[in-house]
């Protein structure tokens, strides 16, 4: 809280995301389009700003969630104050030329391609020539042993999935046997945290969190390649470009966000499971919330940081803080605020890291009807349905280890609310009577549950993405506050399409679908994916066949 009084707040805006895990089908479209847009170039062969993991599984890089090994995120010292889990300045200074907490390329998996030239150059008549795998980094022959999706769909589960840190304490209940196995998909990007440990870990000050929308970026000109940001991030979503010697990370597609467009992973998501919106929070409460002593209280502590955009006092303070009126309106319509704060069905990923992450997840609800019938319960009786939540194939304790630092109560509350929505909508479809006390049993009204159903099941484009465009008039003020307020896209090997970006057009630029076509050095016309709004045609997006 600020010094003016207990009611004074210091509102700031944060762009945030919610993902509905019940809808993810593991198609990896988000990963591919993100890769094509941001890391399709030399030096980033192993880099995935967005990846989709199968849970249970050991993740990417290997066992990134084990902070006893990697020492990412924050912890509390003896006086209850926040400090980096990797240690203070002295320890970092002593290890500045050798960081023992840094994942190796073996933890990520050596990226590979195939020696297609062997097949192309094979003499006529050669029986079954084959292209063997070679390292994309060194060009040497490679036997593939690990990669970003090596345990996809529980591949090799008896060997790999048992190493999932979230299974700690559940070894007797979860076995990788066909009759008992479960899985769901967990898409991951940078969390763009309110209390980012990567920013605090950077010795050169290259990592920063933007004041206007909370997006965490890397100043490529300041980065000196110390890589403490890589080890400091508990989610391991900061990467090192071995060609440029700079750190890179998910930018939340900020050029699109500034134009009022969703991120490329959201735009191309097949399952329509992502939601983007603004939330307001009290900047003076962040440190206090992150320093909450009991890790299981961190979820509620983070919720207490958020401000109600419909509160007139909050709106007045936000206006005085320079937050534009259309941003306030967007915060009031934000699907992220509705799902995470108002309805409380979205949860943060590993709040025990104390970074206050801002990519939240709606936990998956296993198929309920079959379990209810197999247990001899009446599927039309909601109390019996609730009683089977503990019998779901996905253990409640496992979800709690992911989203609530092991506290199962919020998980059960969310699953009960999702089950209630299914029960009410099923009754409406079949003409069945519904107990009028059912919504109150999950702390909601019938209007709340219908609003949740609208968002989760039938939400349209403008319901899922409420993104106010950036204000150009603020550019001068922001530049005055910071020496450099940008994440370079035009440096050699920098983020964007193909290193230095598309070549300068030889002819006029023709706007297409919110982006543009450009003419390359070879005279061909190509399409700029970064500016595509996803709703119009995308000519020349893929190479054209030679005629």
Protein backbone atom coordinates (compact mmCIF):
# COMPACT_ATOMS: atom_id res chain seq x y z
CA UNK A 1 0.00 0.00 0.00
CA UNK A 2 1.20 3.53 -0.65
CA UNK A 3 1.88 6.11 2.01
CA UNK A 4 -1.15 8.32 1.24
CA UNK A 5 -3.46 5.98 3.14
CA UNK A 6 -4.87 2.52 3.32
CA UNK A 7 -7.31 3.22 0.46
CA UNK A 8 -4.74 4.75 -1.92
CA UNK A 9 -3.70 2.63 -4.86
CA UNK A 10 -1.18 2.94 -7.67
CA UNK A 11 -2.97 1.35 -10.64
CA UNK A 12 -1.08 -0.05 -13.59
CA UNK A 13 -2.29 -1.97 -16.64
CA UNK A 14 -1.15 -5.48 -17.53
CA UNK A 15 -1.85 -7.45 -20.69
CA UNK A 16 -2.63 -11.02 -19.62
CA UNK A 17 -3.76 -14.34 -21.06
CA UNK A 18 -6.00 -17.23 -19.99
CA UNK A 19 -5.90 -20.70 -21.57
CA UNK A 20 -8.74 -23.21 -21.25
CA UNK A 21 -6.99 -26.59 -21.01
CA UNK A 22 -10.23 -28.47 -21.63
CA UNK A 23 -10.07 -27.27 -25.24
CA UNK A 24 -6.42 -27.92 -26.10
CA UNK A 25 -6.06 -30.82 -28.55
CA UNK A 26 -2.26 -30.77 -28.72
CA UNK A 27 -2.08 -29.89 -32.42
CA UNK A 28 0.96 -27.58 -31.91
CA UNK A 29 -0.36 -25.05 -34.42
CA UNK A 30 0.44 -22.27 -31.94
CA UNK A 31 4.03 -23.51 -31.65
CA UNK A 32 4.53 -23.70 -35.40
CA UNK A 33 3.14 -20.24 -36.18
CA UNK A 34 5.12 -18.70 -33.32
CA UNK A 35 8.26 -20.43 -34.57
CA UNK A 36 7.65 -19.22 -38.12
CA UNK A 37 7.08 -15.66 -36.94
CA UNK A 38 9.76 -15.19 -34.30
CA UNK A 39 12.47 -17.89 -34.24
CA UNK A 40 12.78 -19.14 -37.81
CA UNK A 41 16.46 -18.25 -38.20
CA UNK A 42 20.01 -19.25 -37.36
CA UNK A 43 20.85 -19.19 -33.68
CA UNK A 44 17.34 -20.07 -32.54
CA UNK A 45 17.01 -23.61 -33.85
CA UNK A 46 16.21 -24.99 -30.39
CA UNK A 47 14.11 -22.00 -29.27
CA UNK A 48 10.35 -22.32 -28.81
CA UNK A 49 8.75 -19.17 -27.41
CA UNK A 50 5.53 -21.23 -27.42
CA UNK A 51 5.51 -24.96 -26.84
CA UNK A 52 2.81 -27.48 -25.92
CA UNK A 53 3.74 -30.06 -23.31
CA UNK A 54 2.00 -33.30 -22.45
CA UNK A 55 1.33 -33.63 -18.74
CA UNK A 56 2.38 -35.67 -16.93
CA UNK A 57 5.78 -35.19 -18.51
CA UNK A 58 9.14 -33.68 -17.72
CA UNK A 59 8.65 -30.63 -19.94
CA UNK A 60 10.98 -28.45 -21.99
CA UNK A 61 13.76 -28.08 -21.05
CA UNK A 62 14.00 -31.29 -19.09
CA UNK A 63 12.50 -30.99 -15.56
CA UNK A 64 12.37 -27.19 -15.76
CA UNK A 65 9.92 -27.21 -12.82
CA UNK A 66 12.51 -28.62 -10.41
CA UNK A 67 13.78 -25.43 -8.79
CA UNK A 68 15.91 -27.39 -6.35
CA UNK A 69 18.05 -28.11 -9.40
CA UNK A 70 17.69 -24.91 -11.44
CA UNK A 71 17.09 -22.38 -8.63
CA UNK A 72 14.75 -20.15 -10.63
CA UNK A 73 12.25 -17.69 -9.23
CA UNK A 74 12.16 -16.17 -5.76
CA UNK A 75 12.38 -17.38 -2.18
CA UNK A 76 12.18 -15.71 1.24
CA UNK A 77 15.19 -15.02 3.43
CA UNK A 78 15.22 -15.47 7.20
CA UNK A 79 13.54 -12.10 7.68
CA UNK A 80 10.74 -12.96 5.25
CA UNK A 81 12.08 -10.70 2.49
CA UNK A 82 12.15 -11.65 -1.18
CA UNK A 83 15.45 -12.75 -2.65
CA UNK A 84 16.36 -14.60 -5.83
CA UNK A 85 16.49 -18.34 -5.31
CA UNK A 86 19.82 -18.37 -7.15
CA UNK A 87 21.34 -16.11 -4.48
CA UNK A 88 22.28 -12.49 -4.09
CA UNK A 89 24.72 -10.25 -5.94
CA UNK A 90 27.83 -11.76 -4.40
CA UNK A 91 26.97 -15.30 -5.50
CA UNK A 92 26.08 -14.13 -8.99
CA UNK A 93 29.31 -12.14 -9.23
CA UNK A 94 31.33 -15.20 -8.23
CA UNK A 95 29.57 -17.33 -10.85
CA UNK A 96 29.38 -14.72 -13.61
CA UNK A 97 31.77 -16.66 -15.86
CA UNK A 98 30.39 -20.05 -14.92
CA UNK A 99 26.69 -20.37 -14.11
CA UNK A 100 26.02 -23.79 -12.52
CA UNK A 101 22.24 -23.34 -12.75
CA UNK A 102 22.13 -23.05 -16.54
CA UNK A 103 20.47 -25.79 -18.63
CA UNK A 104 22.67 -27.30 -21.31
CA UNK A 105 21.70 -28.05 -24.89
CA UNK A 106 21.19 -31.66 -23.82
CA UNK A 107 18.38 -30.51 -21.53
CA UNK A 108 16.68 -28.80 -24.45
CA UNK A 109 17.63 -31.43 -26.99
CA UNK A 110 20.07 -30.83 -29.82
CA UNK A 111 17.89 -29.57 -32.72
CA UNK A 112 18.22 -31.67 -35.81
CA UNK A 113 17.49 -31.75 -39.49
CA UNK A 114 18.20 -34.41 -42.12
CA UNK A 115 20.97 -34.88 -44.63
CA UNK A 116 18.70 -34.62 -47.65
CA UNK A 117 21.67 -33.97 -49.93
CA UNK A 118 22.70 -37.60 -49.54
CA UNK A 119 19.40 -38.65 -51.11
CA UNK A 120 19.53 -35.97 -53.79
CA UNK A 121 23.08 -36.87 -54.83
CA UNK A 122 22.60 -40.65 -54.64
CA UNK A 123 23.56 -42.31 -57.99
CA UNK A 124 20.78 -43.79 -60.03
CA UNK A 125 20.05 -47.32 -59.00
CA UNK A 126 21.12 -46.86 -55.38
CA UNK A 127 18.79 -49.12 -53.31
CA UNK A 128 16.72 -47.13 -50.80
CA UNK A 129 18.99 -44.15 -50.09
CA UNK A 130 18.04 -42.53 -46.77
CA UNK A 131 18.57 -39.16 -45.13
CA UNK A 132 20.02 -39.56 -41.66
CA UNK A 133 19.65 -37.01 -38.86
CA UNK A 134 22.29 -34.32 -38.39
CA UNK A 135 22.63 -31.58 -35.79
CA UNK A 136 21.19 -28.23 -36.85
CA UNK A 137 23.87 -26.58 -34.72
CA UNK A 138 27.05 -28.39 -35.77
CA UNK A 139 26.04 -30.23 -38.95
CA UNK A 140 27.46 -33.47 -37.54
CA UNK A 141 25.70 -36.81 -37.52
CA UNK A 142 23.32 -37.07 -34.60
CA UNK A 143 21.39 -39.81 -32.85
CA UNK A 144 18.20 -38.14 -31.65
CA UNK A 145 17.62 -38.76 -27.93
CA UNK A 146 15.60 -35.76 -26.72
CA UNK A 147 13.70 -32.75 -28.05
CA UNK A 148 10.93 -30.28 -27.33
CA UNK A 149 8.12 -32.81 -27.96
CA UNK A 150 9.97 -36.04 -27.33
CA UNK A 151 7.41 -37.22 -24.74
CA UNK A 152 4.41 -35.90 -26.70
CA UNK A 153 1.17 -37.84 -26.08
CA UNK A 154 2.93 -39.80 -23.31
CA UNK A 155 5.50 -41.24 -25.71
CA UNK A 156 7.97 -43.16 -23.59
CA UNK A 157 5.83 -42.47 -20.53
CA UNK A 158 7.22 -45.26 -18.30
CA UNK A 159 10.70 -43.81 -18.80
CA UNK A 160 10.06 -40.07 -18.98
CA UNK A 161 6.72 -39.13 -17.38
CA UNK A 162 7.65 -40.58 -14.01
CA UNK A 163 10.28 -37.84 -13.75
CA UNK A 164 7.60 -35.11 -13.72
CA UNK A 165 8.29 -32.96 -10.61
CA UNK A 166 4.53 -32.45 -10.18
CA UNK A 167 4.13 -36.16 -9.46
CA UNK A 168 6.10 -35.81 -6.22
CA UNK A 169 4.10 -37.51 -3.48
CA UNK A 170 1.73 -39.16 -5.96
CA UNK A 171 3.96 -42.05 -7.04
CA UNK A 172 1.68 -44.63 -5.42
CA UNK A 173 -1.44 -43.21 -7.08
CA UNK A 174 -0.17 -42.46 -10.58
CA UNK A 175 1.32 -45.27 -12.59
CA UNK A 176 2.07 -45.16 -16.30
CA UNK A 177 -0.14 -48.17 -17.04
CA UNK A 178 -2.69 -48.19 -19.84
CA UNK A 179 -5.70 -48.73 -17.60
CA UNK A 180 -4.75 -45.93 -15.21
CA UNK A 181 -2.88 -43.41 -17.31
CA UNK A 182 -4.14 -39.86 -17.91
CA UNK A 183 -2.85 -36.91 -19.87
CA UNK A 184 -3.68 -33.38 -20.90
CA UNK A 185 -1.89 -30.67 -22.85
CA UNK A 186 -0.24 -27.61 -21.31
CA UNK A 187 0.62 -24.81 -23.79
CA UNK A 188 3.31 -22.51 -22.38
CA UNK A 189 4.63 -19.07 -23.23
CA UNK A 190 6.46 -16.47 -21.15
CA UNK A 191 4.33 -15.58 -18.13
CA UNK A 192 5.08 -11.82 -18.32
CA UNK A 193 5.05 -11.83 -14.53
CA UNK A 194 4.19 -8.95 -12.22
CA UNK A 195 7.34 -9.76 -10.23
CA UNK A 196 9.68 -11.16 -12.91
CA UNK A 197 12.79 -12.86 -11.56
CA UNK A 198 14.43 -12.74 -15.01
CA UNK A 199 14.44 -8.94 -14.86
CA UNK A 200 15.93 -8.96 -11.36
CA UNK A 201 18.59 -11.49 -12.43
CA UNK A 202 19.95 -9.50 -15.39
CA UNK A 203 23.30 -7.82 -14.48
CA UNK A 204 23.25 -5.46 -17.47
CA UNK A 205 19.68 -4.17 -17.10
CA UNK A 206 18.70 -5.43 -20.54
CA UNK A 207 15.55 -7.16 -19.30
CA UNK A 208 12.70 -4.79 -18.51
CA UNK A 209 8.96 -4.75 -17.94
CA UNK A 210 7.08 -2.14 -19.95
CA UNK A 211 5.22 0.39 -17.83
CA UNK A 212 2.27 0.76 -20.16
CA UNK A 213 1.18 -2.88 -20.57
CA UNK A 214 3.49 -5.04 -18.44
CA UNK A 215 5.06 -6.97 -21.34
CA UNK A 216 8.57 -8.20 -20.42
CA UNK A 217 11.17 -7.62 -23.16
CA UNK A 218 14.92 -7.74 -23.81
CA UNK A 219 16.82 -4.68 -24.98
CA UNK A 220 19.09 -6.31 -27.55
CA UNK A 221 21.53 -3.40 -27.47
CA UNK A 222 22.11 -3.68 -23.72
CA UNK A 223 22.22 -7.48 -23.49
CA UNK A 224 25.72 -8.81 -22.85
CA UNK A 225 24.85 -12.51 -22.92
CA UNK A 226 25.46 -13.28 -19.23
CA UNK A 227 22.46 -15.67 -19.32
CA UNK A 228 21.47 -15.13 -15.68
CA UNK A 229 18.01 -14.34 -17.03
CA UNK A 230 17.85 -17.89 -18.42
CA UNK A 231 18.62 -19.49 -15.07
CA UNK A 232 16.59 -16.91 -13.13
CA UNK A 233 13.36 -17.64 -15.02
CA UNK A 234 11.67 -20.60 -13.27
CA UNK A 235 9.61 -21.35 -16.39
CA UNK A 236 12.75 -21.40 -18.57
CA UNK A 237 11.17 -19.15 -21.18
CA UNK A 238 14.26 -17.01 -21.79
CA UNK A 239 16.65 -18.40 -24.40
CA UNK A 240 20.18 -17.67 -25.55
CA UNK A 241 20.81 -17.02 -29.23
CA UNK A 242 24.18 -18.68 -29.77
CA UNK A 243 24.76 -16.77 -33.00
CA UNK A 244 24.12 -13.22 -31.77
CA UNK A 245 25.15 -13.80 -28.15
CA UNK A 246 21.91 -12.19 -26.94
CA UNK A 247 19.00 -13.36 -24.80
CA UNK A 248 15.59 -13.68 -26.44
CA UNK A 249 12.12 -14.48 -25.19
CA UNK A 250 8.42 -14.37 -26.00
CA UNK A 251 7.44 -10.77 -26.69
CA UNK A 252 3.68 -11.42 -26.42
CA UNK A 253 3.73 -10.33 -30.09
CA UNK A 254 3.81 -6.74 -28.89
CA UNK A 255 3.74 -5.23 -32.42
CA UNK A 256 0.37 -6.96 -32.90
CA UNK A 257 -0.84 -6.07 -29.40
CA UNK A 258 -0.03 -2.41 -30.03
CA UNK A 259 -2.23 -2.60 -33.12
CA UNK A 260 -5.13 -4.14 -31.20
CA UNK A 261 -4.52 -7.63 -32.62
CA UNK A 262 -4.07 -10.85 -30.62
CA UNK A 263 -0.80 -12.74 -30.43
CA UNK A 264 -0.02 -15.05 -33.34
CA UNK A 265 -0.41 -18.12 -31.10
CA UNK A 266 -3.89 -16.93 -30.10
CA UNK A 267 -4.86 -15.98 -33.64
CA UNK A 268 -4.04 -19.39 -35.06
CA UNK A 269 -5.21 -21.55 -32.11
CA UNK A 270 -7.39 -24.33 -33.52
CA UNK A 271 -9.19 -24.99 -30.24
CA UNK A 272 -9.97 -21.29 -29.59
CA UNK A 273 -8.76 -21.81 -26.03
CA UNK A 274 -6.87 -18.53 -25.50
CA UNK A 275 -8.22 -15.29 -24.07
CA UNK A 276 -6.41 -11.94 -24.06
CA UNK A 277 -7.30 -8.85 -22.09
CA UNK A 278 -6.16 -6.08 -19.79
CA UNK A 279 -6.26 -6.22 -16.02
CA UNK A 280 -5.56 -3.41 -13.57
CA UNK A 281 -3.42 -4.04 -10.51
CA UNK A 282 -2.03 -2.08 -7.58
CA UNK A 283 1.71 -1.81 -8.13
CA UNK A 284 2.28 -1.04 -4.44
CA UNK A 285 0.92 -4.45 -3.39
CA UNK A 286 3.05 -6.61 -5.67
CA UNK A 287 6.05 -7.05 -3.37
CA UNK A 288 3.84 -7.68 -0.35
CA UNK A 289 1.82 -10.31 -2.23
CA UNK A 290 4.93 -12.06 -3.57
CA UNK A 291 6.38 -12.20 -0.05
CA UNK A 292 3.36 -14.04 1.40
CA UNK A 293 4.91 -16.57 3.81
CA UNK A 294 2.78 -19.64 3.05
CA UNK A 295 3.12 -20.71 -0.61
CA UNK A 296 -0.47 -22.01 -0.59
CA UNK A 297 -1.67 -18.47 0.18
CA UNK A 298 0.06 -16.98 -2.87
CA UNK A 299 -2.92 -17.59 -5.17
CA UNK A 300 -5.26 -15.51 -2.99
CA UNK A 301 -2.50 -12.96 -2.42
CA UNK A 302 -2.14 -12.43 -6.16
CA UNK A 303 -5.89 -12.04 -6.55
CA UNK A 304 -5.80 -9.30 -3.93
CA UNK A 305 -3.41 -7.30 -6.14
CA UNK A 306 -5.97 -6.90 -8.93
CA UNK A 307 -8.26 -3.87 -9.00
CA UNK A 308 -11.93 -3.78 -9.96
CA UNK A 309 -12.15 -1.64 -13.14
CA UNK A 310 -15.85 -1.00 -12.39
CA UNK A 311 -14.99 0.70 -9.10
CA UNK A 312 -15.31 4.50 -9.59
CA UNK A 313 -12.39 5.17 -7.23
CA UNK A 314 -10.16 2.76 -9.17
CA UNK A 315 -11.23 4.39 -12.45
CA UNK A 316 -10.42 7.84 -11.06
CA UNK A 317 -6.99 6.74 -9.83
CA UNK A 318 -6.27 5.01 -13.13
CA UNK A 319 -7.18 8.14 -15.05
CA UNK A 320 -4.86 10.20 -12.84
CA UNK A 321 -2.12 7.64 -13.48
CA UNK A 322 -2.43 8.28 -17.23
CA UNK A 323 -4.28 5.11 -18.23
CA UNK A 324 -6.41 6.10 -21.28
CA UNK A 325 -10.20 5.94 -21.12
CA UNK A 326 -10.45 3.30 -23.84
CA UNK A 327 -8.01 1.11 -21.89
CA UNK A 328 -10.26 1.43 -18.83
CA UNK A 329 -13.20 0.39 -20.96
CA UNK A 330 -11.21 -2.58 -22.25
CA UNK A 331 -10.34 -3.57 -18.67
CA UNK A 332 -14.05 -3.60 -17.83
CA UNK A 333 -14.72 -5.95 -20.76
CA UNK A 334 -11.62 -8.07 -20.19
CA UNK A 335 -12.22 -11.83 -20.45
CA UNK A 336 -9.08 -12.37 -18.36
CA UNK A 337 -10.51 -10.37 -15.46
CA UNK A 338 -13.82 -12.24 -15.75
CA UNK A 339 -12.26 -15.71 -15.80
CA UNK A 340 -9.46 -15.18 -13.29
CA UNK A 341 -10.87 -12.65 -10.82
CA UNK A 342 -14.65 -12.42 -11.09
CA UNK A 343 -15.48 -16.09 -11.70
CA UNK A 344 -12.22 -17.52 -10.31
CA UNK A 345 -11.98 -20.46 -12.69
CA UNK A 346 -8.52 -19.60 -14.07
CA UNK A 347 -5.43 -20.29 -11.96
CA UNK A 348 -1.76 -19.20 -12.14
CA UNK A 349 0.97 -21.66 -13.13
CA UNK A 350 3.23 -22.46 -10.16
CA UNK A 351 2.47 -19.50 -7.89
CA UNK A 352 5.06 -20.87 -5.45
CA UNK A 353 7.76 -19.36 -7.69
CA UNK A 354 6.59 -15.97 -6.35
CA UNK A 355 6.83 -14.25 -9.73
CA UNK A 356 3.05 -13.57 -9.85
CA UNK A 357 2.61 -15.03 -13.36
CA UNK A 358 0.07 -13.44 -15.72
CA UNK A 359 -0.72 -16.39 -18.01
CA UNK A 360 -3.50 -18.28 -16.22
CA UNK A 361 -5.07 -21.67 -16.87
CA UNK A 362 -8.52 -23.20 -16.51
CA UNK A 363 -7.76 -26.73 -15.26
CA UNK A 364 -9.04 -29.64 -17.34
CA UNK A 365 -12.20 -31.43 -16.22
CA UNK A 366 -11.88 -35.13 -16.98
CA UNK A 367 -14.89 -36.85 -18.59
CA UNK A 368 -17.32 -37.14 -15.72
CA UNK A 369 -20.33 -39.08 -16.98
CA UNK A 370 -18.52 -42.40 -17.51
CA UNK A 371 -16.95 -42.27 -14.06
CA UNK A 372 -20.30 -41.47 -12.47
CA UNK A 373 -21.98 -44.40 -14.18
CA UNK A 374 -19.15 -46.80 -13.44
CA UNK A 375 -19.35 -45.87 -9.77
CA UNK A 376 -23.08 -46.59 -9.67
CA UNK A 377 -24.07 -42.97 -9.13
CA UNK A 378 -26.96 -41.08 -10.70
CA UNK A 379 -25.48 -38.82 -13.37
CA UNK A 380 -28.42 -36.41 -12.99
CA UNK A 381 -27.66 -35.82 -9.31
CA UNK A 382 -25.10 -33.01 -9.08
CA UNK A 383 -24.11 -33.97 -5.55
CA UNK A 384 -23.11 -37.39 -6.81
CA UNK A 385 -21.20 -35.80 -9.68
CA UNK A 386 -19.32 -33.62 -7.20
CA UNK A 387 -18.56 -36.69 -5.11
CA UNK A 388 -16.69 -38.22 -8.03
CA UNK A 389 -14.31 -35.28 -8.55
CA UNK A 390 -11.77 -37.05 -6.34
CA UNK A 391 -12.15 -40.14 -8.54
CA UNK A 392 -11.28 -38.38 -11.81
CA UNK A 393 -8.48 -39.84 -13.90
CA UNK A 394 -6.53 -36.61 -13.43
CA UNK A 395 -5.81 -36.49 -9.68
CA UNK A 396 -6.86 -33.28 -7.99
CA UNK A 397 -3.54 -33.30 -6.13
CA UNK A 398 -1.63 -33.28 -9.42
CA UNK A 399 -3.53 -30.21 -10.65
CA UNK A 400 -2.93 -28.56 -7.28
CA UNK A 401 0.82 -29.10 -7.64
CA UNK A 402 0.61 -27.26 -10.97
CA UNK A 403 -1.66 -24.35 -10.16
CA UNK A 404 -2.10 -23.77 -6.42
CA UNK A 405 1.16 -24.83 -4.73
CA UNK A 406 -0.46 -28.07 -3.59
CA UNK A 407 -3.69 -26.60 -2.15
CA UNK A 408 -6.54 -28.79 -3.43
CA UNK A 409 -9.42 -26.58 -2.23
CA UNK A 410 -9.30 -24.03 -5.12
CA UNK A 411 -8.99 -26.90 -7.63
CA UNK A 412 -12.10 -28.61 -6.26
CA UNK A 413 -13.97 -25.29 -6.30
CA UNK A 414 -13.13 -24.69 -9.97
CA UNK A 415 -14.01 -28.25 -11.00
CA UNK A 416 -17.32 -28.07 -9.12
CA UNK A 417 -18.19 -24.84 -10.92
CA UNK A 418 -17.32 -26.31 -14.33
CA UNK A 419 -19.35 -29.41 -13.49
CA UNK A 420 -22.31 -27.26 -12.50
CA UNK A 421 -22.24 -25.49 -15.87
CA UNK A 422 -22.29 -28.85 -17.65
CA UNK A 423 -25.16 -30.07 -15.50
CA UNK A 424 -27.27 -26.95 -16.08
CA UNK A 425 -26.69 -26.84 -19.84
CA UNK A 426 -27.37 -30.58 -20.13
CA UNK A 427 -30.63 -30.14 -18.24
CA UNK A 428 -31.61 -27.25 -20.52
CA UNK A 429 -30.96 -29.37 -23.62
CA UNK A 430 -32.92 -32.36 -22.31
CA UNK A 431 -35.73 -30.44 -20.64
CA UNK A 432 -34.78 -31.63 -17.15
CA UNK A 433 -35.46 -29.78 -13.93
CA UNK A 434 -32.51 -28.12 -12.18
CA UNK A 435 -32.20 -27.60 -8.46
CA UNK A 436 -32.52 -23.84 -7.95
CA UNK A 437 -29.94 -24.00 -5.16
CA UNK A 438 -27.31 -25.54 -7.42
CA UNK A 439 -25.62 -22.26 -8.51
CA UNK A 440 -25.40 -21.05 -4.92
CA UNK A 441 -23.67 -24.30 -3.94
CA UNK A 442 -20.66 -23.21 -6.02
CA UNK A 443 -20.79 -19.56 -4.97
CA UNK A 444 -22.39 -18.27 -8.17
CA UNK A 445 -25.68 -17.08 -9.57
CA UNK A 446 -27.45 -18.49 -12.61
CA UNK A 447 -26.43 -15.35 -14.52
CA UNK A 448 -22.78 -15.95 -13.57
CA UNK A 449 -22.89 -19.51 -14.87
CA UNK A 450 -24.55 -18.47 -18.13
CA UNK A 451 -21.87 -15.78 -18.56
CA UNK A 452 -19.19 -18.41 -17.97
CA UNK A 453 -20.82 -20.71 -20.51
CA UNK A 454 -20.86 -17.87 -23.04
CA UNK A 455 -17.14 -17.23 -22.53
CA UNK A 456 -15.95 -20.82 -22.35
CA UNK A 457 -18.14 -22.54 -24.92
CA UNK A 458 -19.43 -20.03 -27.46
CA UNK A 459 -17.19 -16.98 -26.99
CA UNK A 460 -16.68 -15.16 -30.28
CA UNK A 461 -13.54 -13.46 -31.50
CA UNK A 462 -14.32 -10.10 -29.91
CA UNK A 463 -15.30 -11.78 -26.64
CA UNK A 464 -12.02 -13.69 -26.38
CA UNK A 465 -9.71 -10.87 -27.47
CA UNK A 466 -10.29 -7.45 -25.92
CA UNK A 467 -7.10 -5.57 -26.81
CA UNK A 468 -7.02 -1.78 -26.90
CA UNK A 469 -4.53 -0.34 -29.39
CA UNK A 470 -1.50 1.58 -28.13
CA UNK A 471 -1.62 5.36 -27.93
CA UNK A 472 0.95 7.01 -30.17
CA UNK A 473 0.68 10.26 -28.18
CA UNK A 474 2.33 8.51 -25.21
CA UNK A 475 5.48 7.66 -27.15
CA UNK A 476 7.30 10.88 -26.27
CA UNK A 477 6.50 10.61 -22.57
CA UNK A 478 7.57 6.97 -22.44
CA UNK A 479 10.80 7.64 -24.32
CA UNK A 480 11.60 10.40 -21.82
CA UNK A 481 11.23 7.92 -18.96
CA UNK A 482 13.50 5.33 -20.51
CA UNK A 483 16.67 5.60 -22.52
CA UNK A 484 15.41 2.94 -24.89
CA UNK A 485 11.87 1.55 -24.76
CA UNK A 486 11.88 -1.06 -27.46
CA UNK A 487 12.88 -4.60 -28.26
CA UNK A 488 14.95 -4.34 -31.42
CA UNK A 489 13.49 -6.18 -34.36
CA UNK A 490 15.93 -4.99 -36.98
CA UNK A 491 19.32 -5.98 -35.59
CA UNK A 492 21.32 -8.65 -37.35
CA UNK A 493 19.85 -12.00 -36.34
CA UNK A 494 17.21 -10.29 -34.21
CA UNK A 495 13.63 -11.48 -33.72
CA UNK A 496 11.34 -11.49 -36.70
CA UNK A 497 11.00 -13.22 -40.04
CA UNK A 498 14.41 -14.53 -41.10
CA UNK A 499 16.94 -12.66 -38.99
CA UNK A 500 17.13 -9.10 -40.23
CA UNK A 501 13.52 -9.33 -41.36
CA UNK A 502 12.10 -9.15 -44.86
CA UNK A 503 14.26 -7.46 -47.46
CA UNK A 504 13.41 -3.91 -48.42
CA UNK A 505 10.70 -4.02 -51.07
CA UNK A 506 11.89 -3.37 -54.60
CA UNK A 507 8.52 -1.97 -55.57
CA UNK A 508 5.48 -0.49 -53.86
CA UNK A 509 4.16 -2.19 -50.71
CA UNK A 510 0.63 -3.52 -51.13
CA UNK A 511 -1.36 -3.72 -47.85
CA UNK A 512 -3.08 -7.07 -47.39
CA UNK A 513 -5.21 -8.27 -44.46
CA UNK A 514 -3.73 -5.97 -41.84
CA UNK A 515 -0.18 -6.78 -42.96
CA UNK A 516 1.56 -6.34 -46.30
CA UNK A 517 3.07 -8.16 -49.18
CA UNK A 518 6.65 -7.44 -50.11
CA UNK A 519 8.79 -8.21 -53.11
CA UNK A 520 12.01 -10.11 -52.38
CA UNK A 521 15.38 -9.94 -54.05
CA UNK A 522 14.35 -12.76 -56.37
CA UNK A 523 11.39 -10.75 -57.62
CA UNK A 524 8.77 -12.95 -55.94
CA UNK A 525 5.94 -11.50 -53.88
CA UNK A 526 5.67 -12.81 -50.33
CA UNK A 527 3.39 -12.28 -47.35
CA UNK A 528 4.32 -10.76 -43.97
CA UNK A 529 2.85 -13.10 -41.33
CA UNK A 530 3.59 -10.79 -38.38
CA UNK A 531 0.96 -8.25 -39.41
CA UNK A 532 -1.73 -10.75 -40.44
CA UNK A 533 -5.04 -10.36 -38.58
CA UNK A 534 -6.03 -13.98 -39.28
CA UNK A 535 -9.43 -13.14 -40.71
CA UNK A 536 -8.65 -12.23 -44.30
CA UNK A 537 -6.87 -14.04 -47.09
CA UNK A 538 -3.09 -14.47 -46.87
CA UNK A 539 -1.76 -14.59 -50.43
CA UNK A 540 1.78 -15.84 -50.98
CA UNK A 541 2.05 -17.05 -47.37
CA UNK A 542 3.59 -20.29 -48.65
CA UNK A 543 6.16 -20.64 -51.44
CA UNK A 544 4.62 -20.90 -54.88
CA UNK A 545 5.36 -23.85 -57.12
CA UNK A 546 7.76 -23.20 -59.96
CA UNK A 547 6.10 -23.06 -63.37
